PDB file of N, CA and C in Angstrom:
ATOM      1  N   MET A   1       0.585  -1.546  -0.231  1.00  0.00           N
ATOM      2  CA  MET A   1      -0.322   0.302  -0.090  1.00  0.00           C
ATOM      3  C   MET A   1       0.881   1.364  -0.372  1.00  0.00           C
ATOM      4  N   GLY A   2       2.540   0.958   0.757  1.00  0.00           N
ATOM      5  CA  GLY A   2       3.148   2.135   0.847  1.00  0.00           C
ATOM      6  C   GLY A   2       3.247   2.903  -0.822  1.00  0.00           C
ATOM      7  N   ILE A   3       3.723   2.134  -1.867  1.00  0.00           N
ATOM      8  CA  ILE A   3       3.849   2.367  -2.859  1.00  0.00           C
ATOM      9  C   ILE A   3       2.379   3.417  -3.631  1.00  0.00           C
ATOM     10  N   PHE A   4       1.670   2.904  -3.216  1.00  0.00           N
ATOM     11  CA  PHE A   4       0.373   3.329  -4.192  1.00  0.00           C
ATOM     12  C   PHE A   4      -0.123   4.637  -3.310  1.00  0.00           C
ATOM     13  N   SER A   5       0.268   4.798  -2.320  1.00  0.00           N
ATOM     14  CA  SER A   5      -0.089   6.216  -1.547  1.00  0.00           C
ATOM     15  C   SER A   5       0.639   6.982  -2.481  1.00  0.00           C
ATOM     16  N   PHE A   6       2.011   6.888  -2.109  1.00  0.00           N
ATOM     17  CA  PHE A   6       2.992   7.651  -2.853  1.00  0.00           C
ATOM     18  C   PHE A   6       2.513   8.121  -3.964  1.00  0.00           C
ATOM     19  N   LEU A   7       2.488   7.110  -5.258  1.00  0.00           N
ATOM     20  CA  LEU A   7       1.926   7.408  -6.378  1.00  0.00           C
ATOM     21  C   LEU A   7       0.827   8.749  -6.517  1.00  0.00           C
ATOM     22  N   PHE A   8      -0.615   8.192  -5.545  1.00  0.00           N
ATOM     23  CA  PHE A   8      -1.333   9.240  -5.365  1.00  0.00           C
ATOM     24  C   PHE A   8      -1.332  10.221  -4.789  1.00  0.00           C
ATOM     25  N   GLU A   9      -0.359  10.479  -3.822  1.00  0.00           N
ATOM     26  CA  GLU A   9      -0.089  11.506  -3.369  1.00  0.00           C
ATOM     27  C   GLU A   9       1.021  12.714  -4.521  1.00  0.00           C
ATOM     28  N   ASN A  10       2.008  11.820  -5.512  1.00  0.00           N
ATOM     29  CA  ASN A  10       2.714  12.407  -6.662  1.00  0.00           C
ATOM     30  C   ASN A  10       1.081  13.310  -7.385  1.00  0.00           C
ATOM     31  N   LYS A  11       0.144  12.678  -8.295  1.00  0.00           N
ATOM     32  CA  LYS A  11      -0.530  12.960  -8.730  1.00  0.00           C
ATOM     33  C   LYS A  11      -1.755  14.407  -8.054  1.00  0.00           C
ATOM     34  N   ASN A  12      -1.681  13.772  -6.551  1.00  0.00           N
ATOM     35  CA  ASN A  12      -2.472  14.849  -6.102  1.00  0.00           C
ATOM     36  C   ASN A  12      -2.089  16.252  -6.111  1.00  0.00           C
ATOM     37  N   LYS A  13      -0.573  16.262  -5.801  1.00  0.00           N
ATOM     38  CA  LYS A  13       0.814  17.266  -5.599  1.00  0.00           C
ATOM     39  C   LYS A  13       0.355  18.134  -7.732  1.00  0.00           C
ATOM     40  N   LYS A  14       0.550  17.142  -8.506  1.00  0.00           N
ATOM     41  CA  LYS A  14       0.455  17.382  -9.891  1.00  0.00           C
ATOM     42  C   LYS A  14      -0.586  18.236 -10.165  1.00  0.00           C
ATOM     43  N   ILE A  15      -1.904  17.610  -9.947  1.00  0.00           N
ATOM     44  CA  ILE A  15      -3.255  18.395 -10.055  1.00  0.00           C
ATOM     45  C   ILE A  15      -3.550  19.700  -9.665  1.00  0.00           C
ATOM     46  N   GLN A  16      -2.830  19.772  -8.136  1.00  0.00           N
ATOM     47  CA  GLN A  16      -2.830  20.968  -7.283  1.00  0.00           C
ATOM     48  C   GLN A  16      -1.680  22.166  -8.531  1.00  0.00           C
ATOM     49  N   ASP A  17      -0.868  21.864  -8.725  1.00  0.00           N
ATOM     50  CA  ASP A  17       0.308  22.306  -9.220  1.00  0.00           C
ATOM     51  C   ASP A  17      -0.852  23.100 -10.898  1.00  0.00           C
ATOM     52  N   PHE A  18      -0.956  21.966 -11.403  1.00  0.00           N
ATOM     53  CA  PHE A  18      -1.737  22.541 -12.806  1.00  0.00           C
ATOM     54  C   PHE A  18      -2.928  23.560 -12.201  1.00  0.00           C
ATOM     55  N   VAL A  19      -3.391  23.307 -11.366  1.00  0.00           N
ATOM     56  CA  VAL A  19      -4.598  24.574 -10.952  1.00  0.00           C
ATOM     57  C   VAL A  19      -4.241  25.577 -10.699  1.00  0.00           C
ATOM     58  N   GLU A  20      -3.190  25.599  -9.861  1.00  0.00           N
ATOM     59  CA  GLU A  20      -2.267  26.736  -9.647  1.00  0.00           C
ATOM     60  C   GLU A  20      -2.151  27.535 -10.795  1.00  0.00           C
ATOM     61  N   ARG A  21      -1.677  26.928 -11.996  1.00  0.00           N
ATOM     62  CA  ARG A  21      -1.328  27.542 -13.034  1.00  0.00           C
ATOM     63  C   ARG A  21      -2.712  27.428 -13.871  1.00  0.00           C
ATOM     64  N   ASP A  22      -3.731  27.721 -13.745  1.00  0.00           N
ATOM     65  CA  ASP A  22      -4.780  28.309 -14.593  1.00  0.00           C
ATOM     66  C   ASP A  22      -5.388  26.909 -15.747  1.00  0.00           C
ATOM     67  N   ALA A  23      -5.117  25.719 -15.014  1.00  0.00           N
ATOM     68  CA  ALA A  23      -5.463  24.406 -16.031  1.00  0.00           C
ATOM     69  C   ALA A  23      -6.747  24.305 -16.721  1.00  0.00           C
ATOM     70  N   ILE A  24      -6.827  23.729 -17.999  1.00  0.00           N
ATOM     71  CA  ILE A  24      -8.340  23.477 -18.227  1.00  0.00           C
ATOM     72  C   ILE A  24      -8.783  22.134 -17.937  1.00  0.00           C
ATOM     73  N   VAL A  25      -9.835  21.594 -17.333  1.00  0.00           N
ATOM     74  CA  VAL A  25     -10.299  20.533 -17.390  1.00  0.00           C
ATOM     75  C   VAL A  25     -11.070  20.382 -18.428  1.00  0.00           C
ATOM     76  N   VAL A  26     -11.090  19.154 -18.872  1.00  0.00           N
ATOM     77  CA  VAL A  26     -11.877  18.649 -19.684  1.00  0.00           C
ATOM     78  C   VAL A  26     -12.117  17.279 -19.689  1.00  0.00           C
ATOM     79  N   ASP A  27     -13.523  17.165 -19.596  1.00  0.00           N
ATOM     80  CA  ASP A  27     -14.355  15.783 -19.575  1.00  0.00           C
ATOM     81  C   ASP A  27     -14.258  14.858 -20.798  1.00  0.00           C
ATOM     82  N   VAL A  28     -13.628  13.452 -20.882  1.00  0.00           N
ATOM     83  CA  VAL A  28     -13.822  12.735 -22.209  1.00  0.00           C
ATOM     84  C   VAL A  28     -15.097  12.090 -22.232  1.00  0.00           C
ATOM     85  N   ARG A  29     -15.882  12.290 -21.005  1.00  0.00           N
ATOM     86  CA  ARG A  29     -17.747  11.225 -21.192  1.00  0.00           C
ATOM     87  C   ARG A  29     -17.905  11.605 -22.670  1.00  0.00           C
ATOM     88  N   SER A  30     -18.897  11.327 -22.888  1.00  0.00           N
ATOM     89  CA  SER A  30     -19.626  11.382 -24.402  1.00  0.00           C
ATOM     90  C   SER A  30     -20.650  12.665 -23.834  1.00  0.00           C
ATOM     91  N   ARG A  31     -21.173  13.217 -24.457  1.00  0.00           N
ATOM     92  CA  ARG A  31     -22.127  14.435 -24.333  1.00  0.00           C
ATOM     93  C   ARG A  31     -22.891  13.710 -23.557  1.00  0.00           C
ATOM     94  N   LYS A  32     -24.002  12.760 -23.608  1.00  0.00           N
ATOM     95  CA  LYS A  32     -25.148  12.363 -22.590  1.00  0.00           C
ATOM     96  C   LYS A  32     -24.481  12.090 -21.685  1.00  0.00           C
ATOM     97  N   GLU A  33     -23.241  11.382 -21.301  1.00  0.00           N
ATOM     98  CA  GLU A  33     -23.208  11.280 -19.842  1.00  0.00           C
ATOM     99  C   GLU A  33     -22.578  12.807 -19.168  1.00  0.00           C
ATOM    100  N   TYR A  34     -21.703  13.406 -19.784  1.00  0.00           N
ATOM    101  CA  TYR A  34     -21.615  15.060 -19.122  1.00  0.00           C
ATOM    102  C   TYR A  34     -22.699  15.786 -19.136  1.00  0.00           C
ATOM    103  N   ASP A  35     -23.549  15.295 -19.859  1.00  0.00           N
ATOM    104  CA  ASP A  35     -25.255  16.371 -19.435  1.00  0.00           C
ATOM    105  C   ASP A  35     -25.906  15.974 -18.584  1.00  0.00           C
ATOM    106  N   THR A  36     -25.339  14.726 -17.582  1.00  0.00           N
ATOM    107  CA  THR A  36     -25.861  14.186 -16.608  1.00  0.00           C
ATOM    108  C   THR A  36     -25.554  14.671 -15.333  1.00  0.00           C
ATOM    109  N   GLY A  37     -24.063  15.137 -15.548  1.00  0.00           N
ATOM    110  CA  GLY A  37     -22.985  16.193 -14.140  1.00  0.00           C
ATOM    111  C   GLY A  37     -21.886  16.068 -14.692  1.00  0.00           C
ATOM    112  N   ALA A  38     -21.309  17.260 -14.261  1.00  0.00           N
ATOM    113  CA  ALA A  38     -20.088  17.379 -14.804  1.00  0.00           C
ATOM    114  C   ALA A  38     -19.162  18.296 -13.566  1.00  0.00           C
ATOM    115  N   ILE A  39     -17.980  18.849 -13.981  1.00  0.00           N
ATOM    116  CA  ILE A  39     -17.373  19.600 -13.167  1.00  0.00           C
ATOM    117  C   ILE A  39     -17.998  21.122 -13.895  1.00  0.00           C
ATOM    118  N   PRO A  40     -18.036  21.944 -12.978  1.00  0.00           N
ATOM    119  CA  PRO A  40     -18.211  23.435 -13.633  1.00  0.00           C
ATOM    120  C   PRO A  40     -17.468  24.047 -14.331  1.00  0.00           C
ATOM    121  N   GLY A  41     -17.537  24.503 -15.845  1.00  0.00           N
ATOM    122  CA  GLY A  41     -16.617  25.458 -16.315  1.00  0.00           C
ATOM    123  C   GLY A  41     -15.813  23.868 -16.584  1.00  0.00           C
ATOM    124  N   SER A  42     -15.810  22.972 -16.700  1.00  0.00           N
ATOM    125  CA  SER A  42     -15.047  21.985 -17.343  1.00  0.00           C
ATOM    126  C   SER A  42     -15.669  21.991 -19.538  1.00  0.00           C
ATOM    127  N   LYS A  43     -14.613  21.179 -20.166  1.00  0.00           N
ATOM    128  CA  LYS A  43     -14.878  21.584 -21.272  1.00  0.00           C
ATOM    129  C   LYS A  43     -15.369  20.113 -21.856  1.00  0.00           C
ATOM    130  N   ASN A  44     -15.891  19.588 -22.763  1.00  0.00           N
ATOM    131  CA  ASN A  44     -16.326  18.250 -23.050  1.00  0.00           C
ATOM    132  C   ASN A  44     -15.793  18.125 -24.233  1.00  0.00           C
ATOM    133  N   ILE A  45     -15.013  16.844 -24.478  1.00  0.00           N
ATOM    134  CA  ILE A  45     -14.481  16.414 -25.879  1.00  0.00           C
ATOM    135  C   ILE A  45     -14.115  15.056 -25.423  1.00  0.00           C
ATOM    136  N   PRO A  46     -15.058  14.178 -25.845  1.00  0.00           N
ATOM    137  CA  PRO A  46     -15.416  12.604 -25.745  1.00  0.00           C
ATOM    138  C   PRO A  46     -13.859  12.266 -26.737  1.00  0.00           C
ATOM    139  N   LEU A  47     -13.581  11.366 -26.021  1.00  0.00           N
ATOM    140  CA  LEU A  47     -12.159  10.524 -26.739  1.00  0.00           C
ATOM    141  C   LEU A  47     -11.845  10.234 -27.479  1.00  0.00           C
ATOM    142  N   GLN A  48     -13.421   9.789 -28.355  1.00  0.00           N
ATOM    143  CA  GLN A  48     -13.037   9.382 -29.489  1.00  0.00           C
ATOM    144  C   GLN A  48     -12.681  10.432 -30.395  1.00  0.00           C
ATOM    145  N   VAL A  49     -12.930  11.424 -30.058  1.00  0.00           N
ATOM    146  CA  VAL A  49     -12.890  12.883 -30.866  1.00  0.00           C
ATOM    147  C   VAL A  49     -11.291  13.524 -30.694  1.00  0.00           C
ATOM    148  N   ILE A  50     -10.902  13.460 -29.402  1.00  0.00           N
ATOM    149  CA  ILE A  50      -9.583  14.025 -28.857  1.00  0.00           C
ATOM    150  C   ILE A  50      -8.343  14.117 -29.771  1.00  0.00           C
ATOM    151  N   SER A  51      -8.210  13.519 -30.561  1.00  0.00           N
ATOM    152  CA  SER A  51      -7.239  13.621 -31.930  1.00  0.00           C
ATOM    153  C   SER A  51      -7.145  14.664 -32.637  1.00  0.00           C
ATOM    154  N   SER A  52      -8.466  14.522 -32.790  1.00  0.00           N
ATOM    155  CA  SER A  52      -8.769  15.682 -33.958  1.00  0.00           C
ATOM    156  C   SER A  52      -8.910  17.084 -33.475  1.00  0.00           C
ATOM    157  N   LYS A  53      -8.946  17.234 -31.697  1.00  0.00           N
ATOM    158  CA  LYS A  53      -8.913  18.520 -31.193  1.00  0.00           C
ATOM    159  C   LYS A  53      -7.555  18.826 -31.114  1.00  0.00           C
ATOM    160  N   ILE A  54      -6.743  18.085 -30.950  1.00  0.00           N
ATOM    161  CA  ILE A  54      -5.083  18.315 -30.555  1.00  0.00           C
ATOM    162  C   ILE A  54      -4.374  19.764 -30.907  1.00  0.00           C
ATOM    163  N   SER A  55      -4.980  20.585 -32.152  1.00  0.00           N
ATOM    164  CA  SER A  55      -4.545  22.211 -32.187  1.00  0.00           C
ATOM    165  C   SER A  55      -5.287  22.470 -31.852  1.00  0.00           C
ATOM    166  N   GLU A  56      -6.617  22.680 -31.655  1.00  0.00           N
ATOM    167  CA  GLU A  56      -7.398  23.328 -30.424  1.00  0.00           C
ATOM    168  C   GLU A  56      -6.972  23.353 -29.325  1.00  0.00           C
ATOM    169  N   ILE A  57      -6.685  22.251 -28.969  1.00  0.00           N
ATOM    170  CA  ILE A  57      -6.183  21.669 -27.212  1.00  0.00           C
ATOM    171  C   ILE A  57      -4.267  22.989 -27.130  1.00  0.00           C
ATOM    172  N   LYS A  58      -3.740  22.758 -27.852  1.00  0.00           N
ATOM    173  CA  LYS A  58      -2.418  23.038 -27.948  1.00  0.00           C
ATOM    174  C   LYS A  58      -2.540  24.533 -28.152  1.00  0.00           C
ATOM    175  N   GLY A  59      -3.664  25.409 -28.567  1.00  0.00           N
ATOM    176  CA  GLY A  59      -3.853  26.708 -28.599  1.00  0.00           C
ATOM    177  C   GLY A  59      -4.459  27.753 -27.426  1.00  0.00           C
ATOM    178  N   TRP A  60      -4.835  26.445 -26.333  1.00  0.00           N
ATOM    179  CA  TRP A  60      -4.689  26.848 -24.988  1.00  0.00           C
ATOM    180  C   TRP A  60      -3.806  27.379 -24.615  1.00  0.00           C
ATOM    181  N   ASN A  61      -2.840  26.775 -24.498  1.00  0.00           N
ATOM    182  CA  ASN A  61      -1.286  27.187 -23.909  1.00  0.00           C
ATOM    183  C   ASN A  61      -1.373  27.470 -22.525  1.00  0.00           C
ATOM    184  N   LYS A  62      -2.581  26.014 -21.760  1.00  0.00           N
ATOM    185  CA  LYS A  62      -2.757  25.936 -20.663  1.00  0.00           C
ATOM    186  C   LYS A  62      -2.691  24.452 -20.418  1.00  0.00           C
ATOM    187  N   PRO A  63      -2.042  24.194 -19.179  1.00  0.00           N
ATOM    188  CA  PRO A  63      -1.903  22.329 -18.857  1.00  0.00           C
ATOM    189  C   PRO A  63      -3.271  21.832 -18.919  1.00  0.00           C
ATOM    190  N   VAL A  64      -3.794  20.916 -18.910  1.00  0.00           N
ATOM    191  CA  VAL A  64      -4.870  20.293 -18.771  1.00  0.00           C
ATOM    192  C   VAL A  64      -5.003  18.815 -17.962  1.00  0.00           C
ATOM    193  N   ILE A  65      -6.135  19.374 -17.172  1.00  0.00           N
ATOM    194  CA  ILE A  65      -6.007  18.246 -16.421  1.00  0.00           C
ATOM    195  C   ILE A  65      -7.428  17.155 -17.023  1.00  0.00           C
ATOM    196  N   LEU A  66      -7.145  16.157 -16.960  1.00  0.00           N
ATOM    197  CA  LEU A  66      -8.751  14.888 -17.757  1.00  0.00           C
ATOM    198  C   LEU A  66      -9.128  14.325 -17.055  1.00  0.00           C
ATOM    199  N   CYS A  67     -10.380  13.966 -16.974  1.00  0.00           N
ATOM    200  CA  CYS A  67     -11.233  13.219 -16.492  1.00  0.00           C
ATOM    201  C   CYS A  67     -12.571  12.506 -17.085  1.00  0.00           C
ATOM    202  N   CYS A  68     -13.042  11.139 -16.396  1.00  0.00           N
ATOM    203  CA  CYS A  68     -14.107  10.681 -17.237  1.00  0.00           C
ATOM    204  C   CYS A  68     -14.731  10.186 -15.900  1.00  0.00           C
ATOM    205  N   ALA A  69     -15.627   9.155 -16.000  1.00  0.00           N
ATOM    206  CA  ALA A  69     -16.434   8.395 -15.349  1.00  0.00           C
ATOM    207  C   ALA A  69     -15.360   7.651 -14.238  1.00  0.00           C
ATOM    208  N   SER A  70     -14.515   6.965 -14.346  1.00  0.00           N
ATOM    209  CA  SER A  70     -13.647   6.379 -13.656  1.00  0.00           C
ATOM    210  C   SER A  70     -11.933   6.576 -13.770  1.00  0.00           C
ATOM    211  N   GLY A  71     -11.565   7.194 -14.705  1.00  0.00           N
ATOM    212  CA  GLY A  71     -10.422   7.602 -15.103  1.00  0.00           C
ATOM    213  C   GLY A  71      -9.890   6.784 -16.132  1.00  0.00           C
ATOM    214  N   ILE A  72     -10.349   5.230 -16.809  1.00  0.00           N
ATOM    215  CA  ILE A  72     -10.001   4.738 -17.755  1.00  0.00           C
ATOM    216  C   ILE A  72      -9.460   5.853 -19.382  1.00  0.00           C
ATOM    217  N   ARG A  73     -10.898   6.325 -19.473  1.00  0.00           N
ATOM    218  CA  ARG A  73     -10.751   6.713 -20.632  1.00  0.00           C
ATOM    219  C   ARG A  73      -9.973   7.974 -20.558  1.00  0.00           C
ATOM    220  N   SER A  74      -9.806   9.053 -19.663  1.00  0.00           N
ATOM    221  CA  SER A  74      -9.111  10.231 -19.511  1.00  0.00           C
ATOM    222  C   SER A  74      -7.875   9.569 -19.335  1.00  0.00           C
ATOM    223  N   GLY A  75      -7.199   8.567 -18.990  1.00  0.00           N
ATOM    224  CA  GLY A  75      -5.987   8.033 -19.092  1.00  0.00           C
ATOM    225  C   GLY A  75      -5.366   8.143 -20.344  1.00  0.00           C
ATOM    226  N   SER A  76      -6.194   7.556 -21.322  1.00  0.00           N
ATOM    227  CA  SER A  76      -5.938   7.339 -22.681  1.00  0.00           C
ATOM    228  C   SER A  76      -5.788   8.580 -23.112  1.00  0.00           C
ATOM    229  N   ALA A  77      -6.337   9.334 -22.984  1.00  0.00           N
ATOM    230  CA  ALA A  77      -6.760  10.549 -23.360  1.00  0.00           C
ATOM    231  C   ALA A  77      -5.331  11.173 -22.973  1.00  0.00           C
ATOM    232  N   ALA A  78      -4.665  11.579 -22.019  1.00  0.00           N
ATOM    233  CA  ALA A  78      -3.499  12.374 -21.289  1.00  0.00           C
ATOM    234  C   ALA A  78      -2.353  11.501 -22.210  1.00  0.00           C
ATOM    235  N   GLY A  79      -2.282   9.976 -22.493  1.00  0.00           N
ATOM    236  CA  GLY A  79      -1.480  10.014 -23.127  1.00  0.00           C
ATOM    237  C   GLY A  79      -1.877  10.387 -24.356  1.00  0.00           C
ATOM    238  N   ILE A  80      -2.386  10.270 -25.302  1.00  0.00           N
ATOM    239  CA  ILE A  80      -2.700  10.761 -26.508  1.00  0.00           C
ATOM    240  C   ILE A  80      -2.380  12.146 -26.533  1.00  0.00           C
ATOM    241  N   LEU A  81      -2.698  13.187 -25.221  1.00  0.00           N
ATOM    242  CA  LEU A  81      -1.763  14.413 -25.538  1.00  0.00           C
ATOM    243  C   LEU A  81      -0.820  14.411 -25.091  1.00  0.00           C
ATOM    244  N   LYS A  82      -0.022  14.075 -24.276  1.00  0.00           N
ATOM    245  CA  LYS A  82       1.158  13.872 -24.011  1.00  0.00           C
ATOM    246  C   LYS A  82       2.176  13.231 -25.382  1.00  0.00           C
ATOM    247  N   SER A  83       1.800  12.779 -25.577  1.00  0.00           N
ATOM    248  CA  SER A  83       2.615  12.174 -27.114  1.00  0.00           C
ATOM    249  C   SER A  83       2.458  13.406 -28.281  1.00  0.00           C
ATOM    250  N   ASN A  84       1.650  14.008 -28.065  1.00  0.00           N
ATOM    251  CA  ASN A  84       1.317  15.449 -28.577  1.00  0.00           C
ATOM    252  C   ASN A  84       1.769  16.857 -28.107  1.00  0.00           C
ATOM    253  N   GLY A  85       2.514  16.533 -27.394  1.00  0.00           N
ATOM    254  CA  GLY A  85       3.092  17.876 -26.668  1.00  0.00           C
ATOM    255  C   GLY A  85       2.505  18.729 -25.837  1.00  0.00           C
ATOM    256  N   VAL A  86       1.575  18.199 -25.045  1.00  0.00           N
ATOM    257  CA  VAL A  86       0.511  18.895 -24.249  1.00  0.00           C
ATOM    258  C   VAL A  86       1.056  18.279 -23.197  1.00  0.00           C
ATOM    259  N   GLU A  87       0.904  19.648 -22.008  1.00  0.00           N
ATOM    260  CA  GLU A  87       1.048  18.907 -20.318  1.00  0.00           C
ATOM    261  C   GLU A  87      -0.495  18.478 -20.100  1.00  0.00           C
ATOM    262  N   ALA A  88      -0.140  17.466 -19.936  1.00  0.00           N
ATOM    263  CA  ALA A  88      -1.858  16.869 -19.180  1.00  0.00           C
ATOM    264  C   ALA A  88      -1.186  15.830 -18.424  1.00  0.00           C
ATOM    265  N   VAL A  89      -2.688  15.631 -17.216  1.00  0.00           N
ATOM    266  CA  VAL A  89      -2.606  15.118 -16.328  1.00  0.00           C
ATOM    267  C   VAL A  89      -4.199  14.161 -16.140  1.00  0.00           C
ATOM    268  N   ASN A  90      -4.054  13.016 -16.004  1.00  0.00           N
ATOM    269  CA  ASN A  90      -5.015  11.920 -15.841  1.00  0.00           C
ATOM    270  C   ASN A  90      -5.826  12.322 -14.476  1.00  0.00           C
ATOM    271  N   GLY A  91      -6.882  13.059 -14.325  1.00  0.00           N
ATOM    272  CA  GLY A  91      -7.734  13.399 -12.886  1.00  0.00           C
ATOM    273  C   GLY A  91      -8.485  12.521 -12.329  1.00  0.00           C
ATOM    274  N   GLY A  92      -8.690  11.342 -13.138  1.00  0.00           N
ATOM    275  CA  GLY A  92      -9.407   9.928 -13.072  1.00  0.00           C
ATOM    276  C   GLY A  92     -11.085  10.286 -12.819  1.00  0.00           C
ATOM    277  N   GLY A  93     -11.642   9.767 -12.010  1.00  0.00           N
ATOM    278  CA  GLY A  93     -12.985  10.081 -12.341  1.00  0.00           C
ATOM    279  C   GLY A  93     -13.437  11.726 -11.718  1.00  0.00           C
ATOM    280  N   TRP A  94     -14.389  12.148 -12.867  1.00  0.00           N
ATOM    281  CA  TRP A  94     -14.971  13.118 -12.557  1.00  0.00           C
ATOM    282  C   TRP A  94     -15.255  13.608 -11.122  1.00  0.00           C
ATOM    283  N   GLN A  95     -16.075  12.886 -10.550  1.00  0.00           N
ATOM    284  CA  GLN A  95     -16.810  13.243  -9.302  1.00  0.00           C
ATOM    285  C   GLN A  95     -15.703  13.279  -8.162  1.00  0.00           C
ATOM    286  N   ASN A  96     -14.478  12.565  -8.147  1.00  0.00           N
ATOM    287  CA  ASN A  96     -13.588  12.007  -7.238  1.00  0.00           C
ATOM    288  C   ASN A  96     -12.370  13.699  -7.446  1.00  0.00           C
ATOM    289  N   LEU A  97     -12.588  14.025  -8.956  1.00  0.00           N
ATOM    290  CA  LEU A  97     -11.515  15.146  -9.216  1.00  0.00           C
ATOM    291  C   LEU A  97     -12.058  16.347  -8.685  1.00  0.00           C
ATOM    292  N   SER A  98     -13.383  16.605  -9.179  1.00  0.00           N
ATOM    293  CA  SER A  98     -14.548  17.737  -8.295  1.00  0.00           C
ATOM    294  C   SER A  98     -13.724  18.277  -6.986  1.00  0.00           C
ATOM    295  N   LYS A  99     -13.510  17.144  -6.057  1.00  0.00           N
ATOM    296  CA  LYS A  99     -13.635  17.267  -4.472  1.00  0.00           C
ATOM    297  C   LYS A  99     -12.105  17.893  -4.448  1.00  0.00           C
ATOM    298  N   LYS A 100     -11.069  17.361  -5.362  1.00  0.00           N
ATOM    299  CA  LYS A 100      -9.901  18.496  -5.467  1.00  0.00           C
ATOM    300  C   LYS A 100      -9.456  19.925  -6.080  1.00  0.00           C
ATOM    301  N   LEU A 101     -10.558  20.209  -6.375  1.00  0.00           N
ATOM    302  CA  LEU A 101     -10.300  21.394  -7.467  1.00  0.00           C
ATOM    303  C   LEU A 101     -10.761  22.527  -6.641  1.00  0.00           C
TER     304      LEU A 101
END
């Protein structure tokens, strides 16, 4: 358990660092899921289209915190963005993330 608490602590610090630098929260769930509840002020860009939005996201010139229902899709989206030069972190499930913001 010690290694896992260390990993979560680092992730929480990274999220806080991103928040302090005016990060944008991107929810990668479907529009239908997003409409049932989301973090206020977050942007909805479903995972299926995130690759086509790279230029737009880069244009924000801000770090990006990604979220979804559980953290699986946002993890994939974070990987896509990072591999395209965007500073991104997987914030996990949106309900959990909302408590950290």
